């Protein structure tokens, strides 16, 4: 597949065709790694961290022992205990 080199400010740019970006699940703002390998440009998507699942996190917390209470000493001032 061929592409044209365009201009983006003072830099040069290559547009990714939609079918390629869809296959790689890339969207605007995603990060890629670029390197030259045997005089060829290789562009690799940077893996995004997996989304956190709140239900799974809470399930893990339920398996842990609760932390010990901390004695902060006697009340000072007008705190309500």
Protein backbone atom coordinates (compact mmCIF):
# COMPACT_ATOMS: atom_id res chain seq x y z
CA UNK A 1 0.00 0.00 0.00
CA UNK A 2 1.34 3.43 -0.90
CA UNK A 3 0.99 6.67 1.06
CA UNK A 4 2.10 10.25 0.55
CA UNK A 5 4.35 12.15 2.92
CA UNK A 6 2.53 15.25 4.12
CA UNK A 7 3.52 18.22 6.25
CA UNK A 8 2.53 18.77 9.88
CA UNK A 9 4.00 22.03 11.17
CA UNK A 10 7.76 21.75 10.73
CA UNK A 11 7.59 17.93 10.61
CA UNK A 12 6.69 15.43 7.94
CA UNK A 13 3.76 13.06 8.42
CA UNK A 14 2.28 9.85 7.02
CA UNK A 15 -1.46 9.21 7.22
CA UNK A 16 -2.57 5.74 8.18
CA UNK A 17 -5.40 4.38 6.07
CA UNK A 18 -8.57 3.66 8.05
CA UNK A 19 -8.49 -0.10 7.42
CA UNK A 20 -4.97 -0.35 8.86
CA UNK A 21 -5.75 1.79 11.91
CA UNK A 22 -8.95 -0.25 12.47
CA UNK A 23 -7.04 -3.54 12.29
CA UNK A 24 -4.47 -2.23 14.78
CA UNK A 25 -7.21 -0.63 16.91
CA UNK A 26 -5.43 2.73 16.73
CA UNK A 27 -7.16 6.05 17.22
CA UNK A 28 -6.04 9.67 17.29
CA UNK A 29 -3.83 10.31 20.31
CA UNK A 30 -2.59 6.70 20.61
CA UNK A 31 1.14 6.21 21.01
CA UNK A 32 3.32 4.31 18.53
CA UNK A 33 6.99 3.36 18.51
CA UNK A 34 9.02 4.10 15.36
CA UNK A 35 12.37 2.60 14.41
CA UNK A 36 14.52 2.04 11.36
CA UNK A 37 15.21 -1.64 10.63
CA UNK A 38 17.39 -2.42 7.61
CA UNK A 39 16.62 1.05 6.22
CA UNK A 40 12.85 0.49 6.56
CA UNK A 41 10.50 2.42 8.82
CA UNK A 42 8.73 0.12 11.29
CA UNK A 43 5.80 1.56 13.27
CA UNK A 44 4.58 -0.49 16.24
CA UNK A 45 1.62 0.36 18.47
CA UNK A 46 2.51 0.90 22.12
CA UNK A 47 0.43 -1.47 24.21
CA UNK A 48 -2.10 0.29 26.38
CA UNK A 49 -2.54 -0.90 29.94
CA UNK A 50 -5.63 -3.01 30.45
CA UNK A 51 -8.65 -1.18 31.81
CA UNK A 52 -9.19 -1.72 35.49
CA UNK A 53 -12.30 -3.62 36.49
CA UNK A 54 -13.68 -2.12 39.75
CA UNK A 55 -15.62 -5.30 40.59
CA UNK A 56 -12.46 -7.40 40.30
CA UNK A 57 -10.51 -4.93 42.44
CA UNK A 58 -13.15 -5.00 45.18
CA UNK A 59 -13.24 -8.81 45.04
CA UNK A 60 -9.48 -8.85 45.64
CA UNK A 61 -9.86 -6.42 48.54
CA UNK A 62 -12.45 -8.67 50.20
CA UNK A 63 -9.84 -11.45 50.38
CA UNK A 64 -7.39 -9.22 52.28
CA UNK A 65 -7.35 -8.74 56.03
CA UNK A 66 -8.44 -5.26 57.07
CA UNK A 67 -5.62 -3.00 58.25
CA UNK A 68 -5.08 -2.62 61.98
CA UNK A 69 -6.53 0.48 63.62
CA UNK A 70 -4.07 3.27 64.31
CA UNK A 71 -4.12 5.04 67.64
CA UNK A 72 -3.57 8.70 66.85
CA UNK A 73 -3.52 9.65 70.54
CA UNK A 74 -5.94 11.78 72.49
CA UNK A 75 -8.13 14.33 70.74
CA UNK A 76 -6.77 17.86 70.59
CA UNK A 77 -8.68 21.02 69.89
CA UNK A 78 -12.31 20.76 68.84
CA UNK A 79 -12.25 17.47 66.89
CA UNK A 80 -15.30 15.30 67.18
CA UNK A 81 -14.41 11.64 67.84
